[in-house]
């Protein structure tokens, strides 16, 4: 089966993350090396899930994860957060909001299938937004903790934090609307059938 172009774009961003890790290593920024290596490992999670759990994730998931992690890692290692402040930061939060929302959409559909919760369309759409906002809130708490106790400079006042959350919300709403339209045209069963390996589907 021919692989979609988006999957190769995901590989490209994974390669760019690896390049940034090497740059951080050459500069002796070992904390950033660790962060970059961790981010690179997270981009491999969809592949591991696909192979271990017999679940086929859409290529969009791979691409969004790779892009969002690249934006964060390059922002730290290459100084893009400060160089292009505040625009780079807001774009990164917007993409991260969309990424978490897509992951939440896939996760809640699979949960609904295997646990037989029989969630309504509006419950699924609501979960997408809630999951993204909760993740965004935890991220802001993480930044505050690091700034307070480790002396970093991740947050730049209340307006910066609120705008970060707003851009996460915008990304979540876009995915929620797209997910709602998708569910209005296809049943939950039809969608999850594409996510689950054939052998599992046949024994379900």
N, C-alpha and C. Protein backbone atom coordinates (compact mmCIF):
# COMPACT_ATOMS: atom_id res chain seq x y z
N UNK A 1 0.84 -1.19 0.00
CA UNK A 1 0.00 0.00 0.00
C UNK A 1 0.88 1.25 0.00
N UNK A 2 0.54 2.20 -0.86
CA UNK A 2 1.32 3.42 -0.96
C UNK A 2 1.08 4.30 0.25
N UNK A 3 2.16 4.78 0.85
CA UNK A 3 2.05 5.63 2.03
C UNK A 3 1.69 7.05 1.63
N UNK A 4 0.84 7.72 2.42
CA UNK A 4 0.45 9.10 2.10
C UNK A 4 1.62 10.06 2.27
N UNK A 5 1.56 11.16 1.53
CA UNK A 5 2.61 12.17 1.59
C UNK A 5 2.76 12.72 3.00
N UNK A 6 1.65 12.86 3.71
CA UNK A 6 1.71 13.40 5.06
C UNK A 6 2.57 12.59 6.00
N UNK A 7 2.65 11.29 5.76
CA UNK A 7 3.48 10.44 6.61
C UNK A 7 4.95 10.75 6.39
N UNK A 8 5.32 11.03 5.14
CA UNK A 8 6.71 11.40 4.86
C UNK A 8 7.04 12.78 5.44
N UNK A 9 6.04 13.66 5.49
CA UNK A 9 6.26 14.95 6.15
C UNK A 9 6.50 14.75 7.64
N UNK A 10 5.80 13.78 8.23
CA UNK A 10 6.03 13.46 9.64
C UNK A 10 7.46 12.98 9.84
N UNK A 11 7.95 12.13 8.93
CA UNK A 11 9.34 11.66 9.00
C UNK A 11 10.30 12.83 8.90
N UNK A 12 9.96 13.81 8.05
CA UNK A 12 10.82 14.99 7.89
C UNK A 12 10.94 15.76 9.21
N UNK A 13 9.82 15.98 9.89
CA UNK A 13 9.86 16.71 11.15
C UNK A 13 10.56 15.90 12.23
N UNK A 14 10.44 14.58 12.18
CA UNK A 14 11.20 13.75 13.12
C UNK A 14 12.70 13.92 12.89
N UNK A 15 13.09 14.00 11.61
CA UNK A 15 14.50 14.21 11.28
C UNK A 15 14.97 15.57 11.76
N UNK A 16 14.12 16.59 11.62
CA UNK A 16 14.48 17.94 12.08
C UNK A 16 14.64 17.97 13.60
N UNK A 17 13.81 17.20 14.31
CA UNK A 17 13.97 17.11 15.76
C UNK A 17 15.33 16.51 16.10
N UNK A 18 15.70 15.44 15.38
CA UNK A 18 17.00 14.80 15.61
C UNK A 18 18.14 15.77 15.34
N UNK A 19 18.02 16.59 14.30
CA UNK A 19 19.04 17.59 13.98
C UNK A 19 19.17 18.58 15.13
N UNK A 20 18.05 19.01 15.68
CA UNK A 20 18.09 19.96 16.80
C UNK A 20 18.72 19.34 18.05
N UNK A 21 18.50 18.05 18.26
CA UNK A 21 19.14 17.37 19.37
C UNK A 21 20.65 17.39 19.20
N UNK A 22 21.12 17.16 17.99
CA UNK A 22 22.56 17.20 17.71
C UNK A 22 23.12 18.60 17.91
N UNK A 23 22.34 19.62 17.54
CA UNK A 23 22.78 21.00 17.74
C UNK A 23 22.93 21.29 19.24
N UNK A 24 21.93 20.87 20.02
CA UNK A 24 22.00 21.07 21.46
C UNK A 24 23.18 20.33 22.07
N UNK A 25 23.47 19.14 21.54
CA UNK A 25 24.60 18.36 22.03
C UNK A 25 25.92 19.06 21.73
N UNK A 26 26.02 19.64 20.54
CA UNK A 26 27.24 20.35 20.16
C UNK A 26 27.45 21.61 21.00
N UNK A 27 26.35 22.18 21.49
CA UNK A 27 26.43 23.39 22.32
C UNK A 27 26.58 23.07 23.81
N UNK A 28 26.53 21.78 24.13
CA UNK A 28 26.65 21.39 25.52
C UNK A 28 25.41 21.66 26.35
N UNK A 29 24.27 21.83 25.68
CA UNK A 29 23.01 22.08 26.39
C UNK A 29 22.34 20.73 26.66
N UNK A 30 22.80 20.07 27.70
CA UNK A 30 22.38 18.68 27.92
C UNK A 30 20.93 18.55 28.38
N UNK A 31 20.41 19.55 29.06
CA UNK A 31 19.00 19.50 29.43
C UNK A 31 18.11 19.55 28.19
N UNK A 32 18.53 20.35 27.21
CA UNK A 32 17.79 20.43 25.96
C UNK A 32 17.98 19.16 25.12
N UNK A 33 19.14 18.54 25.25
CA UNK A 33 19.36 17.25 24.59
C UNK A 33 18.36 16.23 25.12
N UNK A 34 18.20 16.21 26.44
CA UNK A 34 17.25 15.28 27.05
C UNK A 34 15.83 15.56 26.59
N UNK A 35 15.46 16.86 26.59
CA UNK A 35 14.11 17.24 26.16
C UNK A 35 13.88 16.85 24.71
N UNK A 36 14.88 17.12 23.86
CA UNK A 36 14.75 16.80 22.44
C UNK A 36 14.66 15.30 22.21
N UNK A 37 15.48 14.54 22.93
CA UNK A 37 15.45 13.08 22.78
C UNK A 37 14.11 12.52 23.25
N UNK A 38 13.58 13.09 24.34
CA UNK A 38 12.28 12.68 24.83
C UNK A 38 11.19 12.99 23.80
N UNK A 39 11.27 14.19 23.20
CA UNK A 39 10.31 14.56 22.17
C UNK A 39 10.39 13.64 20.96
N UNK A 40 11.60 13.31 20.56
CA UNK A 40 11.78 12.40 19.43
C UNK A 40 11.17 11.04 19.74
N UNK A 41 11.35 10.59 20.98
CA UNK A 41 10.76 9.31 21.38
C UNK A 41 9.24 9.35 21.34
N UNK A 42 8.66 10.50 21.73
CA UNK A 42 7.20 10.62 21.72
C UNK A 42 6.63 10.57 20.30
N UNK A 43 7.41 11.04 19.32
CA UNK A 43 6.92 10.97 17.94
C UNK A 43 6.83 9.54 17.44
N UNK A 44 7.50 8.62 18.12
CA UNK A 44 7.47 7.21 17.72
C UNK A 44 6.31 6.45 18.36
N UNK A 45 5.62 7.10 19.30
CA UNK A 45 4.52 6.43 20.01
C UNK A 45 3.43 5.92 19.06
N UNK A 46 2.98 6.72 18.06
CA UNK A 46 1.96 6.19 17.15
C UNK A 46 2.38 4.90 16.45
N UNK A 47 3.65 4.83 16.05
CA UNK A 47 4.14 3.62 15.39
C UNK A 47 4.13 2.43 16.35
N UNK A 48 4.53 2.67 17.60
CA UNK A 48 4.54 1.61 18.61
C UNK A 48 3.12 1.13 18.89
N UNK A 49 2.20 2.10 19.03
CA UNK A 49 0.80 1.75 19.29
C UNK A 49 0.23 0.93 18.14
N UNK A 50 0.55 1.33 16.92
CA UNK A 50 0.06 0.62 15.75
C UNK A 50 0.51 -0.83 15.75
N UNK A 51 1.76 -1.05 16.11
CA UNK A 51 2.32 -2.40 16.06
C UNK A 51 1.92 -3.25 17.25
N UNK A 52 1.82 -2.64 18.42
CA UNK A 52 1.56 -3.41 19.64
C UNK A 52 0.08 -3.65 19.90
N UNK A 53 -0.77 -2.69 19.56
CA UNK A 53 -2.18 -2.78 19.92
C UNK A 53 -3.10 -3.07 18.75
N UNK A 54 -2.54 -3.33 17.59
CA UNK A 54 -3.34 -3.63 16.40
C UNK A 54 -4.33 -2.51 16.08
N UNK A 55 -3.87 -1.28 16.28
CA UNK A 55 -4.68 -0.10 15.97
C UNK A 55 -3.97 0.71 14.89
N UNK A 56 -4.71 1.10 13.89
CA UNK A 56 -4.15 1.89 12.80
C UNK A 56 -4.54 3.35 12.99
N UNK A 57 -3.59 4.18 13.40
CA UNK A 57 -3.86 5.59 13.61
C UNK A 57 -3.76 6.35 12.29
N UNK A 58 -4.62 7.34 12.08
CA UNK A 58 -4.54 8.15 10.86
C UNK A 58 -3.18 8.85 10.75
N UNK A 59 -2.71 9.03 9.52
CA UNK A 59 -1.40 9.66 9.34
C UNK A 59 -1.39 11.09 9.88
N UNK A 60 -2.56 11.70 9.93
CA UNK A 60 -2.63 13.06 10.46
C UNK A 60 -2.16 13.12 11.91
N UNK A 61 -2.39 12.03 12.66
CA UNK A 61 -1.94 11.97 14.05
C UNK A 61 -0.42 12.02 14.11
N UNK A 62 0.23 11.20 13.29
CA UNK A 62 1.70 11.19 13.24
C UNK A 62 2.24 12.57 12.89
N UNK A 63 1.63 13.19 11.88
CA UNK A 63 2.13 14.49 11.42
C UNK A 63 1.95 15.57 12.47
N UNK A 64 0.78 15.64 13.08
CA UNK A 64 0.53 16.68 14.07
C UNK A 64 1.44 16.53 15.29
N UNK A 65 1.64 15.29 15.74
CA UNK A 65 2.53 15.05 16.88
C UNK A 65 3.95 15.51 16.54
N UNK A 66 4.41 15.15 15.34
CA UNK A 66 5.77 15.51 14.92
C UNK A 66 5.93 17.03 14.81
N UNK A 67 4.93 17.71 14.23
CA UNK A 67 5.01 19.16 14.07
C UNK A 67 4.99 19.87 15.42
N UNK A 68 4.05 19.48 16.29
CA UNK A 68 3.93 20.16 17.59
C UNK A 68 5.18 19.98 18.44
N UNK A 69 5.74 18.78 18.43
CA UNK A 69 6.96 18.54 19.21
C UNK A 69 8.16 19.25 18.59
N UNK A 70 8.20 19.30 17.26
CA UNK A 70 9.29 20.04 16.60
C UNK A 70 9.23 21.52 16.98
N UNK A 71 8.03 22.11 16.94
CA UNK A 71 7.89 23.53 17.27
C UNK A 71 8.39 23.81 18.68
N UNK A 72 8.06 22.93 19.61
CA UNK A 72 8.50 23.13 20.99
C UNK A 72 10.02 22.98 21.12
N UNK A 73 10.55 21.91 20.55
CA UNK A 73 11.98 21.63 20.69
C UNK A 73 12.84 22.66 19.97
N UNK A 74 12.45 23.00 18.74
CA UNK A 74 13.20 24.02 17.99
C UNK A 74 13.06 25.38 18.67
N UNK A 75 11.89 25.64 19.25
CA UNK A 75 11.69 26.90 19.95
C UNK A 75 12.64 27.07 21.11
N UNK A 76 12.90 25.96 21.81
CA UNK A 76 13.82 26.00 22.96
C UNK A 76 15.28 26.01 22.51
N UNK A 77 15.64 25.05 21.64
CA UNK A 77 17.04 24.88 21.26
C UNK A 77 17.55 26.01 20.38
N UNK A 78 16.72 26.43 19.43
CA UNK A 78 17.15 27.47 18.49
C UNK A 78 16.75 28.88 18.94
N UNK A 79 16.04 28.95 20.04
CA UNK A 79 15.66 30.26 20.57
C UNK A 79 14.53 30.93 19.81
N UNK A 80 13.73 30.15 19.08
CA UNK A 80 12.65 30.74 18.28
C UNK A 80 11.56 31.37 19.15
N UNK A 81 11.37 30.82 20.36
CA UNK A 81 10.35 31.39 21.24
C UNK A 81 10.63 32.86 21.53
N UNK A 82 11.90 33.19 21.78
CA UNK A 82 12.26 34.56 22.07
C UNK A 82 12.46 35.38 20.81
N UNK A 83 13.04 34.75 19.78
CA UNK A 83 13.34 35.46 18.54
C UNK A 83 12.07 35.94 17.84
N UNK A 84 11.04 35.11 17.87
CA UNK A 84 9.79 35.45 17.18
C UNK A 84 8.64 35.65 18.17
N UNK A 85 8.97 36.04 19.40
CA UNK A 85 7.94 36.26 20.41
C UNK A 85 7.08 37.46 20.02
N UNK A 86 5.74 37.41 20.22
CA UNK A 86 4.98 36.30 20.80
C UNK A 86 4.36 35.35 19.77
N UNK A 87 4.65 35.60 18.48
CA UNK A 87 3.92 34.88 17.43
C UNK A 87 4.25 33.38 17.40
N UNK A 88 5.52 33.06 17.56
CA UNK A 88 5.93 31.66 17.50
C UNK A 88 5.25 30.87 18.61
N UNK A 89 5.23 31.44 19.80
CA UNK A 89 4.64 30.78 20.95
C UNK A 89 3.16 30.49 20.72
N UNK A 90 2.44 31.44 20.13
CA UNK A 90 1.00 31.27 19.92
C UNK A 90 0.73 30.23 18.84
N UNK A 91 1.54 30.22 17.79
CA UNK A 91 1.39 29.19 16.76
C UNK A 91 1.64 27.81 17.35
N UNK A 92 2.66 27.71 18.21
CA UNK A 92 2.98 26.43 18.84
C UNK A 92 1.82 25.95 19.71
N UNK A 93 1.19 26.85 20.46
CA UNK A 93 0.05 26.47 21.29
C UNK A 93 -1.16 26.11 20.44
N UNK A 94 -1.35 26.81 19.35
CA UNK A 94 -2.46 26.50 18.45
C UNK A 94 -2.32 25.10 17.86
N UNK A 95 -1.12 24.79 17.37
CA UNK A 95 -0.87 23.46 16.80
C UNK A 95 -0.97 22.38 17.87
N UNK A 96 -0.45 22.68 19.06
CA UNK A 96 -0.54 21.72 20.16
C UNK A 96 -1.99 21.46 20.55
N UNK A 97 -2.81 22.52 20.55
CA UNK A 97 -4.23 22.37 20.84
C UNK A 97 -4.92 21.46 19.84
N UNK A 98 -4.58 21.63 18.57
CA UNK A 98 -5.15 20.77 17.53
C UNK A 98 -4.67 19.33 17.69
N UNK A 99 -3.40 19.17 18.03
CA UNK A 99 -2.83 17.83 18.18
C UNK A 99 -3.50 17.06 19.30
N UNK A 100 -3.59 17.70 20.47
CA UNK A 100 -4.24 17.05 21.61
C UNK A 100 -5.70 16.75 21.29
N UNK A 101 -6.36 17.64 20.58
CA UNK A 101 -7.77 17.45 20.24
C UNK A 101 -7.97 16.25 19.32
N UNK A 102 -7.10 16.11 18.33
CA UNK A 102 -7.19 14.96 17.42
C UNK A 102 -6.93 13.66 18.19
N UNK A 103 -5.93 13.68 19.07
CA UNK A 103 -5.65 12.51 19.89
C UNK A 103 -6.84 12.18 20.80
N UNK A 104 -7.47 13.21 21.36
CA UNK A 104 -8.64 13.00 22.22
C UNK A 104 -9.79 12.41 21.43
N UNK A 105 -9.98 12.88 20.20
CA UNK A 105 -11.05 12.37 19.33
C UNK A 105 -10.86 10.89 19.05
N UNK A 106 -9.64 10.52 18.67
CA UNK A 106 -9.35 9.12 18.38
C UNK A 106 -9.50 8.28 19.65
N UNK A 107 -8.97 8.79 20.77
CA UNK A 107 -8.99 8.03 22.02
C UNK A 107 -10.41 7.80 22.51
N UNK A 108 -11.26 8.83 22.46
CA UNK A 108 -12.62 8.67 22.98
C UNK A 108 -13.45 7.75 22.08
N UNK A 109 -13.19 7.76 20.78
CA UNK A 109 -13.88 6.84 19.88
C UNK A 109 -13.50 5.39 20.18
N UNK A 110 -12.22 5.16 20.40
CA UNK A 110 -11.76 3.80 20.72
C UNK A 110 -12.28 3.37 22.09
N UNK A 111 -12.28 4.30 23.04
CA UNK A 111 -12.81 3.99 24.37
C UNK A 111 -14.29 3.64 24.28
N UNK A 112 -15.02 4.41 23.49
CA UNK A 112 -16.44 4.16 23.31
C UNK A 112 -16.69 2.79 22.69
N UNK A 113 -15.83 2.40 21.77
CA UNK A 113 -15.99 1.11 21.10
C UNK A 113 -15.72 -0.05 22.04
N UNK A 114 -14.58 0.00 22.73
CA UNK A 114 -14.16 -1.15 23.52
C UNK A 114 -14.87 -1.23 24.88
N UNK A 115 -15.29 -0.09 25.43
CA UNK A 115 -15.99 -0.11 26.71
C UNK A 115 -17.50 -0.12 26.54
N UNK A 116 -17.94 0.13 25.29
CA UNK A 116 -19.36 0.16 24.95
C UNK A 116 -20.12 1.20 25.80
N UNK A 117 -19.53 2.37 25.91
CA UNK A 117 -20.17 3.45 26.66
C UNK A 117 -21.36 4.04 25.91
N UNK A 118 -21.31 3.93 24.58
CA UNK A 118 -22.37 4.47 23.74
C UNK A 118 -22.53 5.98 23.94
N UNK A 119 -21.42 6.69 23.83
CA UNK A 119 -21.42 8.14 24.00
C UNK A 119 -22.15 8.82 22.85
N UNK A 120 -22.83 9.90 23.17
CA UNK A 120 -23.50 10.67 22.12
C UNK A 120 -22.48 11.52 21.36
N UNK A 121 -22.91 12.03 20.23
CA UNK A 121 -22.02 12.87 19.42
C UNK A 121 -21.59 14.10 20.19
N UNK A 122 -22.49 14.70 20.93
CA UNK A 122 -22.17 15.92 21.66
C UNK A 122 -21.22 15.64 22.82
N UNK A 123 -21.33 14.47 23.42
CA UNK A 123 -20.40 14.11 24.50
C UNK A 123 -18.99 13.94 23.95
N UNK A 124 -18.89 13.35 22.76
CA UNK A 124 -17.58 13.16 22.13
C UNK A 124 -16.97 14.51 21.78
N UNK A 125 -17.77 15.39 21.18
CA UNK A 125 -17.29 16.72 20.80
C UNK A 125 -16.87 17.51 22.04
N UNK A 126 -17.68 17.41 23.10
CA UNK A 126 -17.34 18.10 24.34
C UNK A 126 -16.05 17.59 24.96
N UNK A 127 -15.84 16.28 24.88
CA UNK A 127 -14.62 15.69 25.43
C UNK A 127 -13.39 16.23 24.71
N UNK A 128 -13.49 16.45 23.41
CA UNK A 128 -12.36 16.97 22.63
C UNK A 128 -11.90 18.31 23.21
N UNK A 129 -12.84 19.22 23.42
CA UNK A 129 -12.50 20.55 23.93
C UNK A 129 -11.98 20.47 25.36
N UNK A 130 -12.65 19.68 26.20
CA UNK A 130 -12.24 19.56 27.61
C UNK A 130 -10.83 18.99 27.72
N UNK A 131 -10.54 17.95 26.93
CA UNK A 131 -9.21 17.32 26.99
C UNK A 131 -8.12 18.30 26.57
N UNK A 132 -8.39 19.07 25.52
CA UNK A 132 -7.39 20.05 25.06
C UNK A 132 -7.16 21.13 26.10
N UNK A 133 -8.23 21.66 26.69
CA UNK A 133 -8.09 22.72 27.67
C UNK A 133 -7.42 22.21 28.95
N UNK A 134 -7.72 20.98 29.34
CA UNK A 134 -7.08 20.41 30.53
C UNK A 134 -5.58 20.25 30.29
N UNK A 135 -5.21 19.77 29.11
CA UNK A 135 -3.80 19.62 28.78
C UNK A 135 -3.10 20.97 28.75
N UNK A 136 -3.77 21.97 28.16
CA UNK A 136 -3.20 23.31 28.13
C UNK A 136 -2.99 23.88 29.52
N UNK A 137 -3.95 23.61 30.42
CA UNK A 137 -3.83 24.09 31.80
C UNK A 137 -2.65 23.42 32.51
N UNK A 138 -2.50 22.11 32.33
CA UNK A 138 -1.37 21.41 32.94
C UNK A 138 -0.04 21.95 32.40
N UNK A 139 -0.01 22.29 31.11
CA UNK A 139 1.21 22.84 30.52
C UNK A 139 1.56 24.18 31.15
N UNK A 140 0.56 25.03 31.35
CA UNK A 140 0.81 26.33 31.98
C UNK A 140 1.27 26.16 33.43
N UNK A 141 0.72 25.17 34.13
CA UNK A 141 1.16 24.89 35.50
C UNK A 141 2.62 24.44 35.49
N UNK A 142 2.96 23.59 34.51
CA UNK A 142 4.35 23.14 34.36
C UNK A 142 5.28 24.34 34.16
N UNK A 143 4.89 25.28 33.31
CA UNK A 143 5.73 26.46 33.07
C UNK A 143 5.87 27.29 34.34
N UNK A 144 4.77 27.45 35.08
CA UNK A 144 4.82 28.23 36.31
C UNK A 144 5.73 27.58 37.34
N UNK A 145 5.64 26.26 37.48
CA UNK A 145 6.48 25.54 38.44
C UNK A 145 7.95 25.71 38.10
N UNK A 146 8.30 25.58 36.81
CA UNK A 146 9.70 25.72 36.40
C UNK A 146 10.19 27.15 36.62
N UNK A 147 9.35 28.13 36.30
CA UNK A 147 9.75 29.53 36.50
C UNK A 147 9.93 29.84 37.99
N UNK A 148 9.04 29.31 38.80
CA UNK A 148 9.06 29.62 40.23
C UNK A 148 10.21 28.95 40.97
N UNK A 149 10.45 27.69 40.66
CA UNK A 149 11.41 26.92 41.45
C UNK A 149 12.75 26.69 40.76
N UNK A 150 12.81 26.85 39.44
CA UNK A 150 14.06 26.61 38.73
C UNK A 150 14.60 27.87 38.06
N UNK A 151 13.86 28.97 38.17
CA UNK A 151 14.35 30.24 37.64
C UNK A 151 14.33 30.36 36.14
N UNK A 152 13.51 29.57 35.46
CA UNK A 152 13.40 29.67 34.00
C UNK A 152 12.53 30.88 33.64
N UNK A 153 12.36 31.11 32.36
CA UNK A 153 11.60 32.27 31.89
C UNK A 153 10.61 31.81 30.82
N UNK A 154 9.69 30.93 31.22
CA UNK A 154 8.75 30.33 30.28
C UNK A 154 7.46 31.13 30.14
N UNK A 155 7.03 31.78 31.22
CA UNK A 155 5.82 32.58 31.19
C UNK A 155 6.16 34.06 31.23
N UNK A 156 5.30 34.85 30.58
CA UNK A 156 5.56 36.29 30.50
C UNK A 156 4.32 37.07 30.92
N UNK A 157 3.79 36.73 32.08
CA UNK A 157 2.66 37.48 32.61
C UNK A 157 1.32 36.84 32.31
N UNK A 158 0.28 37.40 32.93
CA UNK A 158 -1.07 36.86 32.81
C UNK A 158 -1.58 36.89 31.38
N UNK A 159 -1.34 37.99 30.65
CA UNK A 159 -1.82 38.09 29.27
C UNK A 159 -1.23 36.99 28.40
N UNK A 160 0.05 36.70 28.60
CA UNK A 160 0.71 35.65 27.83
C UNK A 160 0.06 34.31 28.11
N UNK A 161 -0.19 34.01 29.38
CA UNK A 161 -0.80 32.73 29.76
C UNK A 161 -2.21 32.60 29.20
N UNK A 162 -2.99 33.68 29.31
CA UNK A 162 -4.37 33.63 28.82
C UNK A 162 -4.41 33.48 27.30
N UNK A 163 -3.51 34.17 26.59
CA UNK A 163 -3.47 34.03 25.13
C UNK A 163 -3.06 32.61 24.73
N UNK A 164 -2.14 32.02 25.49
CA UNK A 164 -1.77 30.63 25.22
C UNK A 164 -3.00 29.73 25.30
N UNK A 165 -3.79 29.90 26.36
CA UNK A 165 -4.98 29.07 26.54
C UNK A 165 -6.02 29.35 25.46
N UNK A 166 -6.13 30.61 25.05
CA UNK A 166 -7.09 30.96 24.00
C UNK A 166 -6.73 30.30 22.69
N UNK A 167 -5.43 30.27 22.36
CA UNK A 167 -5.01 29.65 21.10
C UNK A 167 -5.18 28.13 21.16
N UNK A 168 -4.99 27.54 22.34
CA UNK A 168 -5.29 26.11 22.50
C UNK A 168 -6.78 25.88 22.27
N UNK A 169 -7.62 26.76 22.82
CA UNK A 169 -9.06 26.64 22.67
C UNK A 169 -9.48 26.76 21.21
N UNK A 170 -8.88 27.70 20.49
CA UNK A 170 -9.21 27.86 19.07
C UNK A 170 -8.89 26.58 18.30
N UNK A 171 -7.70 26.02 18.55
CA UNK A 171 -7.35 24.76 17.89
C UNK A 171 -8.31 23.65 18.24
N UNK A 172 -8.73 23.58 19.51
CA UNK A 172 -9.66 22.55 19.96
C UNK A 172 -11.02 22.71 19.31
N UNK A 173 -11.49 23.94 19.20
CA UNK A 173 -12.81 24.19 18.60
C UNK A 173 -12.81 23.79 17.13
N UNK A 174 -11.73 24.10 16.41
CA UNK A 174 -11.63 23.72 15.00
C UNK A 174 -11.73 22.21 14.84
N UNK A 175 -10.99 21.47 15.66
CA UNK A 175 -11.03 20.01 15.58
C UNK A 175 -12.40 19.49 16.01
N UNK A 176 -12.98 20.10 17.04
CA UNK A 176 -14.30 19.67 17.51
C UNK A 176 -15.35 19.85 16.42
N UNK A 177 -15.32 20.97 15.72
CA UNK A 177 -16.27 21.21 14.63
C UNK A 177 -16.06 20.20 13.51
N UNK A 178 -14.79 19.96 13.16
CA UNK A 178 -14.49 18.98 12.12
C UNK A 178 -14.94 17.58 12.55
N UNK A 179 -14.69 17.25 13.83
CA UNK A 179 -15.12 15.94 14.34
C UNK A 179 -16.62 15.80 14.34
N UNK A 180 -17.33 16.87 14.68
CA UNK A 180 -18.79 16.84 14.67
C UNK A 180 -19.33 16.60 13.27
N UNK A 181 -18.75 17.28 12.30
CA UNK A 181 -19.18 17.09 10.91
C UNK A 181 -18.87 15.68 10.43
N UNK A 182 -17.72 15.17 10.84
CA UNK A 182 -17.34 13.81 10.48
C UNK A 182 -18.33 12.80 11.05
N UNK A 183 -18.71 13.00 12.32
CA UNK A 183 -19.66 12.10 12.96
C UNK A 183 -21.07 12.23 12.39
N UNK A 184 -21.38 13.39 11.84
CA UNK A 184 -22.71 13.58 11.25
C UNK A 184 -22.83 12.84 9.91
N UNK A 185 -21.69 12.54 9.30
CA UNK A 185 -21.71 11.85 8.00
C UNK A 185 -21.34 10.38 8.10
N UNK A 186 -20.65 10.00 9.18
CA UNK A 186 -20.25 8.60 9.37
C UNK A 186 -20.57 8.18 10.80
N UNK A 187 -20.96 6.93 10.97
CA UNK A 187 -21.25 6.44 12.31
C UNK A 187 -19.95 6.20 13.08
N UNK A 188 -20.08 6.14 14.41
CA UNK A 188 -18.91 5.84 15.24
C UNK A 188 -18.31 4.49 14.86
N UNK A 189 -19.18 3.54 14.55
CA UNK A 189 -18.73 2.19 14.20
C UNK A 189 -17.92 2.20 12.91
N UNK A 190 -18.38 2.98 11.93
CA UNK A 190 -17.66 3.06 10.66
C UNK A 190 -16.28 3.69 10.84
N UNK A 191 -16.21 4.71 11.70
CA UNK A 191 -14.93 5.39 11.93
C UNK A 191 -13.95 4.48 12.65
N UNK A 192 -14.40 3.86 13.73
CA UNK A 192 -13.49 3.00 14.50
C UNK A 192 -13.11 1.75 13.73
N UNK A 193 -13.96 1.33 12.79
CA UNK A 193 -13.63 0.17 11.97
C UNK A 193 -12.34 0.41 11.18
N UNK A 194 -12.11 1.69 10.84
CA UNK A 194 -10.89 2.03 10.10
C UNK A 194 -9.67 2.09 11.01
N UNK A 195 -9.90 2.23 12.32
CA UNK A 195 -8.80 2.35 13.27
C UNK A 195 -8.34 1.00 13.82
N UNK A 196 -9.23 0.02 13.77
CA UNK A 196 -8.93 -1.29 14.36
C UNK A 196 -8.50 -2.25 13.28
N UNK A 197 -7.45 -3.02 13.57
CA UNK A 197 -6.93 -3.98 12.61
C UNK A 197 -8.01 -4.98 12.22
N UNK A 198 -8.01 -5.48 10.97
CA UNK A 198 -9.04 -6.39 10.49
C UNK A 198 -9.25 -7.61 11.36
N UNK A 199 -8.16 -8.20 11.85
CA UNK A 199 -8.31 -9.41 12.64
C UNK A 199 -9.06 -9.17 13.94
N UNK A 200 -8.85 -7.92 14.53
CA UNK A 200 -9.58 -7.60 15.75
C UNK A 200 -11.05 -7.36 15.45
N UNK A 201 -11.28 -6.70 14.29
CA UNK A 201 -12.65 -6.38 13.93
C UNK A 201 -13.47 -7.64 13.72
N UNK A 202 -12.87 -8.67 13.16
CA UNK A 202 -13.57 -9.88 12.86
C UNK A 202 -13.93 -10.65 14.12
N UNK A 203 -13.12 -10.48 15.19
CA UNK A 203 -13.38 -11.22 16.42
C UNK A 203 -14.20 -10.41 17.42
N UNK A 204 -14.48 -9.18 17.05
CA UNK A 204 -15.21 -8.29 17.95
C UNK A 204 -16.66 -8.76 18.10
